[in-house]
């Protein structure tokens, strides 16, 4: 019985950790060769220049999201912009909560968040990102409800660029949300309590 409780508590911690935005990673585009397209770099694949990236399960529309420098990016050397002005990003494992980033836009750009890949399924959110001064990036947070598998932007050709993007969290860098922290702490407390109640037999030779 006690072992069952201990395993259940451990499972709760595992669920808490799994639900924490561990998949919420900061994408700064800085490991990608300037003027290359992001492509599969954040899916454990490569950019158009052959740069090998981490496997976050995030795929950028091939040939569309181009890295560059020289504007108001918040971390050098690179930002990424949509060459078509209608680029999509797929989340193979899904993403929740929302995302945040710094950006520069010569024109207004609309972000549509979908439940399916490639801009399919239910529309979870639609947010207009206003034009600003691309020489001085602004920070923005986009919350949504549900599990998103893609984002599609709609704006002018090569008119929108972003940097330091965090998907799956409303805070930069993927810091867990307060509710997630509470669940994690609760799980750890249960495991600690179960371990304190467990009797340890010690024998001496």
N, C-alpha and C. Protein backbone atom coordinates (compact mmCIF):
# COMPACT_ATOMS: atom_id res chain seq x y z
N UNK A 1 0.83 -1.21 0.00
CA UNK A 1 0.00 0.00 0.00
C UNK A 1 0.86 1.25 0.00
N UNK A 2 1.90 1.25 0.88
CA UNK A 2 2.78 2.41 0.96
C UNK A 2 3.55 2.58 -0.34
N UNK A 3 3.98 1.44 -0.92
CA UNK A 3 4.71 1.52 -2.18
C UNK A 3 3.81 2.08 -3.27
N UNK A 4 2.53 1.71 -3.24
CA UNK A 4 1.58 2.23 -4.23
C UNK A 4 1.45 3.73 -4.11
N UNK A 5 1.36 4.23 -2.86
CA UNK A 5 1.27 5.68 -2.64
C UNK A 5 2.53 6.39 -3.10
N UNK A 6 3.68 5.77 -2.84
CA UNK A 6 4.95 6.37 -3.25
C UNK A 6 5.02 6.46 -4.77
N UNK A 7 4.61 5.37 -5.44
CA UNK A 7 4.64 5.37 -6.90
C UNK A 7 3.66 6.39 -7.45
N UNK A 8 2.49 6.50 -6.81
CA UNK A 8 1.49 7.48 -7.26
C UNK A 8 2.03 8.90 -7.10
N UNK A 9 2.72 9.13 -5.98
CA UNK A 9 3.30 10.45 -5.74
C UNK A 9 4.38 10.76 -6.76
N UNK A 10 5.22 9.76 -7.02
CA UNK A 10 6.27 9.95 -8.02
C UNK A 10 5.66 10.22 -9.39
N UNK A 11 4.55 9.54 -9.68
CA UNK A 11 3.87 9.77 -10.96
C UNK A 11 3.35 11.20 -11.05
N UNK A 12 2.85 11.71 -9.91
CA UNK A 12 2.36 13.09 -9.88
C UNK A 12 3.47 14.08 -10.20
N UNK A 13 4.65 13.83 -9.63
CA UNK A 13 5.79 14.70 -9.93
C UNK A 13 6.15 14.61 -11.40
N UNK A 14 6.12 13.38 -11.95
CA UNK A 14 6.43 13.21 -13.37
C UNK A 14 5.45 13.97 -14.23
N UNK A 15 4.15 13.91 -13.87
CA UNK A 15 3.14 14.64 -14.63
C UNK A 15 3.38 16.14 -14.51
N UNK A 16 3.72 16.59 -13.31
CA UNK A 16 3.98 18.02 -13.10
C UNK A 16 5.15 18.48 -13.94
N UNK A 17 6.21 17.68 -13.95
CA UNK A 17 7.38 18.06 -14.73
C UNK A 17 7.08 18.02 -16.21
N UNK A 18 6.27 17.02 -16.62
CA UNK A 18 5.92 16.91 -18.03
C UNK A 18 5.05 18.08 -18.47
N UNK A 19 4.17 18.55 -17.55
CA UNK A 19 3.29 19.64 -17.92
C UNK A 19 3.96 21.00 -17.79
N UNK A 20 5.10 21.05 -17.11
CA UNK A 20 5.86 22.29 -17.02
C UNK A 20 6.36 22.64 -18.41
N UNK A 21 6.53 23.93 -18.70
CA UNK A 21 6.95 24.30 -20.04
C UNK A 21 8.41 23.99 -20.31
N UNK A 22 8.78 22.70 -20.08
CA UNK A 22 10.14 22.28 -20.40
C UNK A 22 10.34 22.39 -21.90
N UNK A 23 9.23 22.19 -22.66
CA UNK A 23 9.31 22.33 -24.11
C UNK A 23 9.32 23.80 -24.52
N UNK A 24 9.03 24.68 -23.56
CA UNK A 24 9.07 26.11 -23.85
C UNK A 24 10.52 26.56 -23.87
N UNK A 25 11.04 26.71 -25.04
CA UNK A 25 12.44 27.04 -25.20
C UNK A 25 12.60 28.41 -25.84
N UNK A 26 13.68 29.05 -25.48
CA UNK A 26 14.01 30.35 -26.06
C UNK A 26 14.68 30.14 -27.42
N UNK A 27 14.09 30.69 -28.45
CA UNK A 27 14.65 30.62 -29.79
C UNK A 27 15.22 31.99 -30.13
N UNK A 28 16.55 32.06 -30.22
CA UNK A 28 17.17 33.36 -30.51
C UNK A 28 17.79 33.43 -31.90
N UNK A 29 17.77 32.31 -32.64
CA UNK A 29 18.25 32.25 -34.03
C UNK A 29 19.75 32.51 -34.18
N UNK A 30 20.46 32.58 -33.05
CA UNK A 30 21.86 32.98 -33.12
C UNK A 30 22.82 31.86 -33.53
N UNK A 31 22.35 30.61 -33.47
CA UNK A 31 23.22 29.50 -33.90
C UNK A 31 23.11 29.22 -35.39
N UNK A 32 22.34 30.04 -36.07
CA UNK A 32 22.10 29.84 -37.49
C UNK A 32 22.91 30.85 -38.30
N UNK A 33 23.48 30.39 -39.38
CA UNK A 33 24.25 31.28 -40.25
C UNK A 33 23.38 32.43 -40.74
N UNK A 34 23.88 33.63 -40.67
CA UNK A 34 23.12 34.78 -41.14
C UNK A 34 22.76 34.64 -42.61
N UNK A 35 21.55 35.01 -42.95
CA UNK A 35 20.98 34.96 -44.29
C UNK A 35 20.59 33.55 -44.73
N UNK A 36 20.60 32.60 -43.78
CA UNK A 36 20.09 31.26 -44.06
C UNK A 36 18.65 31.19 -43.58
N UNK A 37 17.88 30.22 -44.08
CA UNK A 37 16.52 30.04 -43.60
C UNK A 37 16.52 29.03 -42.45
N UNK A 38 15.62 29.24 -41.49
CA UNK A 38 15.61 28.44 -40.26
C UNK A 38 15.26 26.98 -40.54
N UNK A 39 14.21 26.75 -41.33
CA UNK A 39 13.78 25.40 -41.74
C UNK A 39 13.60 24.44 -40.56
N UNK A 40 14.36 23.35 -40.53
CA UNK A 40 14.23 22.31 -39.50
C UNK A 40 15.25 22.44 -38.38
N UNK A 41 15.87 23.58 -38.28
CA UNK A 41 16.93 23.78 -37.28
C UNK A 41 16.45 23.47 -35.87
N UNK A 42 15.22 23.90 -35.53
CA UNK A 42 14.71 23.67 -34.17
C UNK A 42 13.91 22.37 -34.05
N UNK A 43 14.09 21.50 -35.04
CA UNK A 43 13.50 20.17 -34.98
C UNK A 43 14.59 19.10 -35.02
N UNK A 44 15.78 19.48 -34.55
CA UNK A 44 16.90 18.55 -34.58
C UNK A 44 17.47 18.35 -35.96
N UNK A 45 17.05 19.20 -36.90
CA UNK A 45 17.54 19.10 -38.27
C UNK A 45 18.51 20.22 -38.57
N UNK A 46 18.41 20.74 -39.78
CA UNK A 46 19.37 21.76 -40.19
C UNK A 46 18.68 22.99 -40.76
N UNK A 47 19.42 24.09 -40.75
CA UNK A 47 18.99 25.28 -41.48
C UNK A 47 19.38 25.08 -42.94
N UNK A 48 19.05 26.04 -43.79
CA UNK A 48 19.42 25.92 -45.20
C UNK A 48 20.93 25.96 -45.40
N UNK A 49 21.66 26.46 -44.39
CA UNK A 49 23.13 26.53 -44.47
C UNK A 49 23.78 25.28 -43.87
N UNK A 50 22.97 24.34 -43.37
CA UNK A 50 23.52 23.12 -42.79
C UNK A 50 23.82 23.20 -41.31
N UNK A 51 23.44 24.28 -40.65
CA UNK A 51 23.62 24.39 -39.21
C UNK A 51 22.70 23.37 -38.52
N UNK A 52 23.25 22.58 -37.60
CA UNK A 52 22.45 21.57 -36.89
C UNK A 52 21.94 22.16 -35.58
N UNK A 53 20.64 22.03 -35.35
CA UNK A 53 20.04 22.66 -34.19
C UNK A 53 19.50 21.68 -33.17
N UNK A 54 18.94 22.18 -32.07
CA UNK A 54 18.36 21.34 -31.01
C UNK A 54 17.01 20.78 -31.44
N UNK A 55 16.60 19.68 -30.84
CA UNK A 55 15.33 19.07 -31.21
C UNK A 55 14.22 19.52 -30.27
N UNK A 56 13.56 20.61 -30.64
CA UNK A 56 12.44 21.14 -29.88
C UNK A 56 11.10 20.75 -30.51
N UNK A 57 11.13 20.06 -31.63
CA UNK A 57 9.89 19.70 -32.31
C UNK A 57 9.21 20.89 -32.96
N UNK A 58 9.99 21.90 -33.33
CA UNK A 58 9.44 23.11 -33.95
C UNK A 58 10.00 23.23 -35.38
N UNK A 59 9.09 23.31 -36.35
CA UNK A 59 9.49 23.38 -37.76
C UNK A 59 9.04 24.71 -38.34
N UNK A 60 9.97 25.43 -38.97
CA UNK A 60 9.65 26.69 -39.63
C UNK A 60 9.46 26.43 -41.12
N UNK A 61 8.51 27.13 -41.72
CA UNK A 61 8.25 26.95 -43.15
C UNK A 61 9.55 27.05 -43.94
N UNK A 62 9.81 26.04 -44.74
CA UNK A 62 11.08 25.94 -45.46
C UNK A 62 11.28 27.13 -46.40
N UNK A 63 12.47 27.72 -46.29
CA UNK A 63 12.84 28.80 -47.18
C UNK A 63 12.19 30.13 -46.89
N UNK A 64 11.36 30.18 -45.85
CA UNK A 64 10.61 31.41 -45.60
C UNK A 64 11.19 32.27 -44.49
N UNK A 65 11.53 31.65 -43.36
CA UNK A 65 12.03 32.41 -42.20
C UNK A 65 13.55 32.57 -42.33
N UNK A 66 13.97 33.78 -42.66
CA UNK A 66 15.38 34.05 -42.97
C UNK A 66 16.03 34.79 -41.80
N UNK A 67 17.24 34.36 -41.46
CA UNK A 67 17.97 35.06 -40.40
C UNK A 67 18.74 36.23 -41.00
N UNK A 68 18.80 37.30 -40.23
CA UNK A 68 19.56 38.47 -40.66
C UNK A 68 19.96 39.26 -39.43
N UNK A 69 20.70 40.31 -39.62
CA UNK A 69 21.15 41.15 -38.51
C UNK A 69 21.09 42.61 -38.95
N UNK A 70 21.34 43.51 -38.00
CA UNK A 70 21.43 44.91 -38.37
C UNK A 70 20.21 45.75 -38.06
N UNK A 71 19.19 45.16 -37.41
CA UNK A 71 18.02 45.94 -37.03
C UNK A 71 18.04 46.10 -35.51
N UNK A 72 16.88 46.01 -34.87
CA UNK A 72 16.82 46.25 -33.42
C UNK A 72 16.72 44.98 -32.61
N UNK A 73 17.29 43.88 -33.11
CA UNK A 73 17.17 42.59 -32.42
C UNK A 73 17.67 42.70 -30.98
N UNK A 74 17.06 41.90 -30.11
CA UNK A 74 17.38 41.99 -28.69
C UNK A 74 18.55 41.12 -28.28
N UNK A 75 18.99 40.22 -29.15
CA UNK A 75 20.22 39.47 -28.89
C UNK A 75 20.94 39.28 -30.22
N UNK A 76 22.17 39.67 -30.28
CA UNK A 76 22.93 39.57 -31.52
C UNK A 76 23.47 38.15 -31.69
N UNK A 77 23.74 37.69 -32.92
CA UNK A 77 23.71 38.52 -34.13
C UNK A 77 22.39 38.50 -34.90
N UNK A 78 21.52 37.49 -34.66
CA UNK A 78 20.42 37.29 -35.60
C UNK A 78 19.03 37.56 -35.06
N UNK A 79 18.16 37.91 -36.00
CA UNK A 79 16.71 37.85 -35.86
C UNK A 79 16.23 37.01 -37.03
N UNK A 80 14.94 36.72 -37.09
CA UNK A 80 14.40 36.00 -38.25
C UNK A 80 13.19 36.76 -38.77
N UNK A 81 13.06 36.82 -40.10
CA UNK A 81 11.91 37.49 -40.70
C UNK A 81 11.25 36.57 -41.72
N UNK A 82 9.97 36.81 -41.97
CA UNK A 82 9.25 36.01 -42.95
C UNK A 82 9.41 36.65 -44.33
N UNK A 83 10.06 35.94 -45.24
CA UNK A 83 10.30 36.47 -46.58
C UNK A 83 9.00 36.66 -47.35
N UNK A 84 8.03 35.76 -47.11
CA UNK A 84 6.76 35.83 -47.84
C UNK A 84 5.75 36.74 -47.16
N UNK A 85 5.96 36.99 -45.86
CA UNK A 85 4.97 37.73 -45.09
C UNK A 85 3.78 36.89 -44.69
N UNK A 86 3.87 35.57 -44.95
CA UNK A 86 2.78 34.65 -44.62
C UNK A 86 3.34 33.33 -44.11
N UNK A 87 4.45 33.40 -43.41
CA UNK A 87 5.13 32.19 -42.97
C UNK A 87 4.40 31.46 -41.85
N UNK A 88 4.59 30.12 -41.80
CA UNK A 88 4.01 29.34 -40.72
C UNK A 88 5.10 28.67 -39.89
N UNK A 89 4.71 28.30 -38.69
CA UNK A 89 5.57 27.54 -37.77
C UNK A 89 4.73 26.39 -37.23
N UNK A 90 5.24 25.16 -37.31
CA UNK A 90 4.54 23.99 -36.80
C UNK A 90 5.16 23.51 -35.49
N UNK A 91 4.30 23.10 -34.56
CA UNK A 91 4.73 22.52 -33.28
C UNK A 91 4.31 21.06 -33.29
N UNK A 92 5.25 20.17 -33.58
CA UNK A 92 4.92 18.77 -33.77
C UNK A 92 4.34 18.13 -32.52
N UNK A 93 4.77 18.58 -31.35
CA UNK A 93 4.28 18.03 -30.09
C UNK A 93 3.20 18.90 -29.46
N UNK A 94 2.82 19.97 -30.14
CA UNK A 94 1.84 20.89 -29.59
C UNK A 94 2.47 21.86 -28.61
N UNK A 95 1.82 22.98 -28.40
CA UNK A 95 2.28 23.97 -27.44
C UNK A 95 1.06 24.62 -26.80
N UNK A 96 1.18 25.03 -25.56
CA UNK A 96 0.05 25.59 -24.82
C UNK A 96 0.39 26.96 -24.25
N UNK A 97 -0.56 27.55 -23.60
CA UNK A 97 -0.41 28.77 -22.80
C UNK A 97 -0.28 30.04 -23.64
N UNK A 98 0.73 30.10 -24.49
CA UNK A 98 0.97 31.30 -25.30
C UNK A 98 2.43 31.39 -25.69
N UNK A 99 2.82 32.56 -26.18
CA UNK A 99 4.21 32.77 -26.56
C UNK A 99 4.54 34.25 -26.42
N UNK A 100 5.82 34.55 -26.40
CA UNK A 100 6.26 35.94 -26.28
C UNK A 100 7.51 36.15 -27.11
N UNK A 101 7.75 37.37 -27.50
CA UNK A 101 8.90 37.67 -28.36
C UNK A 101 9.12 39.17 -28.43
N UNK A 102 10.26 39.55 -28.97
CA UNK A 102 10.49 40.96 -29.32
C UNK A 102 10.44 41.04 -30.84
N UNK A 103 9.99 42.18 -31.35
CA UNK A 103 9.77 42.25 -32.79
C UNK A 103 9.95 43.66 -33.34
N UNK A 104 10.14 43.67 -34.65
CA UNK A 104 10.13 44.91 -35.41
C UNK A 104 9.28 44.69 -36.64
N UNK A 105 8.33 45.60 -36.88
CA UNK A 105 7.44 45.44 -38.03
C UNK A 105 7.24 46.72 -38.79
N UNK A 106 7.49 46.68 -40.08
CA UNK A 106 7.25 47.86 -40.92
C UNK A 106 5.77 48.04 -41.20
N UNK A 107 5.00 46.93 -41.13
CA UNK A 107 3.55 46.97 -41.31
C UNK A 107 2.89 46.14 -40.22
N UNK A 108 1.58 46.32 -40.03
CA UNK A 108 0.85 45.47 -39.09
C UNK A 108 0.92 44.02 -39.55
N UNK A 109 0.99 43.12 -38.60
CA UNK A 109 1.06 41.70 -38.91
C UNK A 109 0.08 40.94 -38.01
N UNK A 110 -0.69 40.03 -38.60
CA UNK A 110 -1.65 39.23 -37.83
C UNK A 110 -1.07 37.85 -37.55
N UNK A 111 -1.18 37.43 -36.30
CA UNK A 111 -0.78 36.08 -35.90
C UNK A 111 -2.04 35.25 -35.69
N UNK A 112 -2.19 34.16 -36.42
CA UNK A 112 -3.29 33.22 -36.23
C UNK A 112 -2.75 31.92 -35.65
N UNK A 113 -3.32 31.49 -34.54
CA UNK A 113 -2.88 30.29 -33.83
C UNK A 113 -3.91 29.19 -34.08
N UNK A 114 -3.44 28.03 -34.56
CA UNK A 114 -4.35 26.93 -34.94
C UNK A 114 -4.08 25.66 -34.15
N UNK A 115 -5.13 24.85 -34.03
CA UNK A 115 -5.00 23.58 -33.33
C UNK A 115 -4.33 22.51 -34.19
N UNK A 116 -4.35 22.68 -35.51
CA UNK A 116 -3.75 21.71 -36.43
C UNK A 116 -2.46 22.22 -37.05
N UNK A 117 -1.75 21.33 -37.71
CA UNK A 117 -0.50 21.69 -38.38
C UNK A 117 -0.79 22.52 -39.64
N UNK A 118 0.14 23.39 -39.97
CA UNK A 118 0.05 24.14 -41.21
C UNK A 118 -1.15 25.05 -41.34
N UNK A 119 -1.63 25.58 -40.22
CA UNK A 119 -2.77 26.51 -40.27
C UNK A 119 -4.10 25.82 -40.48
N UNK A 120 -4.25 24.60 -39.97
CA UNK A 120 -5.50 23.87 -40.09
C UNK A 120 -6.14 23.71 -38.70
N UNK A 121 -7.36 23.18 -38.68
CA UNK A 121 -8.03 22.94 -37.41
C UNK A 121 -8.69 24.19 -36.88
N UNK A 122 -8.96 24.19 -35.58
CA UNK A 122 -9.66 25.31 -34.94
C UNK A 122 -8.73 26.51 -34.77
N UNK A 123 -9.30 27.70 -34.95
CA UNK A 123 -8.56 28.94 -34.71
C UNK A 123 -8.60 29.23 -33.22
N UNK A 124 -7.44 29.15 -32.56
CA UNK A 124 -7.38 29.34 -31.11
C UNK A 124 -7.20 30.81 -30.72
N UNK A 125 -6.58 31.56 -31.59
CA UNK A 125 -6.36 32.99 -31.31
C UNK A 125 -5.97 33.70 -32.59
N UNK A 126 -6.34 34.97 -32.66
CA UNK A 126 -5.94 35.82 -33.78
C UNK A 126 -5.59 37.18 -33.20
N UNK A 127 -4.34 37.58 -33.37
CA UNK A 127 -3.84 38.79 -32.73
C UNK A 127 -3.16 39.68 -33.76
N UNK A 128 -3.54 40.95 -33.77
CA UNK A 128 -2.89 41.92 -34.66
C UNK A 128 -1.69 42.52 -33.95
N UNK A 129 -0.51 42.36 -34.52
CA UNK A 129 0.72 42.93 -33.99
C UNK A 129 0.97 44.25 -34.73
N UNK A 130 0.91 45.36 -34.04
CA UNK A 130 1.03 46.64 -34.74
C UNK A 130 2.44 46.93 -35.25
N UNK A 131 2.51 47.69 -36.32
CA UNK A 131 3.80 48.14 -36.84
C UNK A 131 4.50 48.99 -35.78
N UNK A 132 5.82 48.94 -35.79
CA UNK A 132 6.60 49.75 -34.84
C UNK A 132 7.89 50.20 -35.52
N UNK A 133 8.86 50.58 -34.73
CA UNK A 133 10.15 51.00 -35.27
C UNK A 133 11.10 49.80 -35.27
N UNK A 134 11.39 49.20 -36.43
CA UNK A 134 12.25 48.01 -36.47
C UNK A 134 13.66 48.25 -35.94
N UNK A 135 14.04 49.50 -35.76
CA UNK A 135 15.36 49.79 -35.20
C UNK A 135 15.36 49.66 -33.68
N UNK A 136 14.17 49.52 -33.09
CA UNK A 136 14.06 49.40 -31.64
C UNK A 136 12.92 48.42 -31.33
N UNK A 137 13.27 47.15 -31.17
CA UNK A 137 12.26 46.10 -31.02
C UNK A 137 11.40 46.29 -29.77
N UNK A 138 10.14 45.92 -29.86
CA UNK A 138 9.21 45.93 -28.74
C UNK A 138 8.94 44.50 -28.29
N UNK A 139 8.56 44.33 -27.03
CA UNK A 139 8.24 43.02 -26.46
C UNK A 139 6.73 42.84 -26.45
N UNK A 140 6.27 41.63 -26.77
CA UNK A 140 4.84 41.35 -26.78
C UNK A 140 4.56 39.93 -26.30
N UNK A 141 3.40 39.75 -25.66
CA UNK A 141 2.96 38.45 -25.17
C UNK A 141 1.64 38.11 -25.85
N UNK A 142 1.51 36.86 -26.33
CA UNK A 142 0.30 36.41 -27.00
C UNK A 142 -0.23 35.17 -26.28
N UNK A 143 -1.24 35.30 -25.42
CA UNK A 143 -1.81 34.13 -24.74
C UNK A 143 -2.88 33.46 -25.61
N UNK A 144 -3.12 32.18 -25.36
CA UNK A 144 -4.23 31.49 -26.01
C UNK A 144 -4.61 30.28 -25.16
N UNK A 145 -5.82 29.77 -25.40
CA UNK A 145 -6.31 28.58 -24.70
C UNK A 145 -6.29 27.39 -25.65
N UNK A 146 -6.02 26.20 -25.11
CA UNK A 146 -5.99 25.00 -25.93
C UNK A 146 -4.58 24.60 -26.30
N UNK A 147 -4.48 23.59 -27.16
CA UNK A 147 -3.19 23.08 -27.63
C UNK A 147 -3.01 23.49 -29.08
N UNK A 148 -1.98 24.29 -29.34
CA UNK A 148 -1.71 24.77 -30.69
C UNK A 148 -0.67 23.89 -31.37
N UNK A 149 -0.86 23.67 -32.67
CA UNK A 149 0.12 22.95 -33.46
C UNK A 149 0.71 23.79 -34.58
N UNK A 150 0.19 25.01 -34.75
CA UNK A 150 0.79 25.88 -35.76
C UNK A 150 0.41 27.33 -35.53
N UNK A 151 1.26 28.19 -36.05
CA UNK A 151 1.00 29.63 -36.10
C UNK A 151 1.25 30.07 -37.53
N UNK A 152 0.37 30.91 -38.04
CA UNK A 152 0.53 31.46 -39.39
C UNK A 152 0.45 32.97 -39.27
N UNK A 153 1.41 33.65 -39.88
CA UNK A 153 1.37 35.11 -39.85
C UNK A 153 0.85 35.64 -41.18
N UNK A 154 0.34 36.84 -41.13
CA UNK A 154 -0.17 37.50 -42.33
C UNK A 154 0.23 38.97 -42.26
N UNK A 155 1.12 39.36 -43.17
CA UNK A 155 1.62 40.74 -43.18
C UNK A 155 2.28 41.03 -44.51
N UNK A 156 3.04 42.08 -44.57
CA UNK A 156 3.72 42.44 -45.80
C UNK A 156 4.94 41.57 -46.05
N UNK A 157 5.34 41.47 -47.30
CA UNK A 157 6.52 40.68 -47.69
C UNK A 157 7.77 41.24 -47.01
N UNK A 158 8.44 40.38 -46.23
CA UNK A 158 9.68 40.75 -45.53
C UNK A 158 9.50 42.00 -44.66
N UNK A 159 8.33 42.14 -44.06
CA UNK A 159 8.04 43.33 -43.26
C UNK A 159 8.04 43.07 -41.75
N UNK A 160 8.10 41.80 -41.35
CA UNK A 160 8.04 41.46 -39.93
C UNK A 160 9.22 40.59 -39.53
N UNK A 161 9.93 41.00 -38.47
CA UNK A 161 11.03 40.20 -37.93
C UNK A 161 10.91 40.07 -36.43
N UNK A 162 11.39 38.95 -35.88
CA UNK A 162 11.33 38.75 -34.43
C UNK A 162 12.59 38.12 -33.90
N UNK A 163 12.73 38.19 -32.58
CA UNK A 163 13.92 37.68 -31.91
C UNK A 163 13.53 37.22 -30.51
N UNK A 164 14.35 36.35 -29.93
CA UNK A 164 14.14 35.85 -28.56
C UNK A 164 12.69 35.42 -28.36
N UNK A 165 12.28 34.44 -29.17
CA UNK A 165 10.91 33.93 -29.14
C UNK A 165 10.81 32.77 -28.15
N UNK A 166 9.82 32.82 -27.26
CA UNK A 166 9.56 31.71 -26.34
C UNK A 166 8.16 31.19 -26.59
N UNK A 167 8.05 29.96 -27.06
CA UNK A 167 6.75 29.32 -27.25
C UNK A 167 6.41 28.49 -26.02
N UNK A 168 5.14 28.45 -25.64
CA UNK A 168 4.71 27.63 -24.52
C UNK A 168 4.81 28.29 -23.17
N UNK A 169 5.01 29.59 -23.14
CA UNK A 169 5.10 30.32 -21.88
C UNK A 169 4.81 31.79 -22.12
N UNK A 170 4.27 32.44 -21.10
CA UNK A 170 4.02 33.88 -21.20
C UNK A 170 5.19 34.69 -20.66
N UNK A 171 6.21 34.00 -20.16
CA UNK A 171 7.39 34.68 -19.62
C UNK A 171 8.61 34.34 -20.47
N UNK A 172 9.52 35.28 -20.66
CA UNK A 172 10.70 35.04 -21.50
C UNK A 172 11.53 33.87 -21.00
N UNK A 173 12.02 33.07 -21.92
CA UNK A 173 12.91 31.98 -21.57
C UNK A 173 12.24 30.72 -21.08
N UNK A 174 10.91 30.71 -21.01
CA UNK A 174 10.21 29.49 -20.63
C UNK A 174 10.14 29.23 -19.15
N UNK A 175 10.08 30.27 -18.31
CA UNK A 175 9.93 30.08 -16.87
C UNK A 175 8.56 29.50 -16.60
N UNK A 176 8.44 28.43 -15.78
CA UNK A 176 7.12 27.84 -15.52
C UNK A 176 6.13 28.84 -14.94
N UNK A 177 4.86 28.68 -15.34
CA UNK A 177 3.80 29.54 -14.82
C UNK A 177 3.51 29.19 -13.36
N UNK A 178 2.90 30.11 -12.58
CA UNK A 178 2.62 29.86 -11.16
C UNK A 178 1.85 28.58 -10.90
N UNK A 179 0.86 28.25 -11.75
CA UNK A 179 0.07 27.03 -11.53
C UNK A 179 0.94 25.79 -11.68
N UNK A 180 1.89 25.85 -12.60
CA UNK A 180 2.78 24.70 -12.80
C UNK A 180 3.70 24.54 -11.61
N UNK A 181 4.23 25.66 -11.10
CA UNK A 181 5.07 25.58 -9.91
C UNK A 181 4.30 24.95 -8.75
N UNK A 182 3.04 25.34 -8.58
CA UNK A 182 2.24 24.81 -7.47
C UNK A 182 2.07 23.30 -7.61
N UNK A 183 1.81 22.83 -8.83
CA UNK A 183 1.64 21.40 -9.04
C UNK A 183 2.94 20.65 -8.75
N UNK A 184 4.06 21.21 -9.21
CA UNK A 184 5.34 20.56 -8.99
C UNK A 184 5.68 20.48 -7.51
N UNK A 185 5.47 21.60 -6.79
CA UNK A 185 5.77 21.61 -5.36
C UNK A 185 4.88 20.64 -4.60
N UNK A 186 3.60 20.57 -5.00
CA UNK A 186 2.69 19.62 -4.37
C UNK A 186 3.14 18.19 -4.57
N UNK A 187 3.59 17.88 -5.77
CA UNK A 187 4.07 16.53 -6.06
C UNK A 187 5.30 16.18 -5.25
N UNK A 188 6.24 17.12 -5.16
CA UNK A 188 7.44 16.87 -4.36
C UNK A 188 7.11 16.69 -2.89
N UNK A 189 6.13 17.45 -2.40
CA UNK A 189 5.72 17.34 -0.99
C UNK A 189 5.14 15.96 -0.71
N UNK A 190 4.34 15.44 -1.64
CA UNK A 190 3.76 14.11 -1.46
C UNK A 190 4.83 13.03 -1.43
N UNK A 191 5.80 13.15 -2.32
CA UNK A 191 6.89 12.16 -2.34
C UNK A 191 7.68 12.24 -1.04
N UNK A 192 7.96 13.47 -0.60
CA UNK A 192 8.72 13.62 0.65
C UNK A 192 7.97 13.04 1.83
N UNK A 193 6.66 13.26 1.87
CA UNK A 193 5.84 12.73 2.96
C UNK A 193 5.83 11.21 2.95
N UNK A 194 5.70 10.62 1.77
CA UNK A 194 5.68 9.16 1.66
C UNK A 194 7.02 8.57 2.08
N UNK A 195 8.11 9.25 1.72
CA UNK A 195 9.43 8.74 2.08
C UNK A 195 9.68 8.83 3.58
N UNK A 196 9.15 9.87 4.23
CA UNK A 196 9.32 10.00 5.68
C UNK A 196 8.59 8.90 6.43
N UNK A 197 7.43 8.47 5.88
CA UNK A 197 6.65 7.44 6.56
C UNK A 197 7.22 6.04 6.35
N UNK A 198 8.06 5.90 5.33
CA UNK A 198 8.62 4.59 5.01
C UNK A 198 9.67 4.21 6.05
N UNK A 199 9.53 3.00 6.62
CA UNK A 199 10.48 2.52 7.61
C UNK A 199 11.67 1.88 6.91
N UNK A 200 12.83 2.20 7.38
CA UNK A 200 14.04 1.65 6.80
C UNK A 200 14.66 0.66 7.77
N UNK A 201 14.84 -0.58 7.34
CA UNK A 201 15.44 -1.60 8.19
C UNK A 201 16.94 -1.60 7.97
N UNK A 202 17.69 -1.49 9.06
CA UNK A 202 19.14 -1.50 8.99
C UNK A 202 19.66 -2.69 9.76
N UNK A 203 20.50 -3.48 9.15
CA UNK A 203 21.07 -4.64 9.85
C UNK A 203 22.59 -4.49 9.91
N UNK A 204 23.16 -4.95 10.99
CA UNK A 204 24.62 -4.88 11.17
C UNK A 204 25.17 -6.28 11.17
N UNK A 205 26.26 -6.50 10.57
CA UNK A 205 26.88 -7.83 10.53
C UNK A 205 27.48 -8.15 11.89
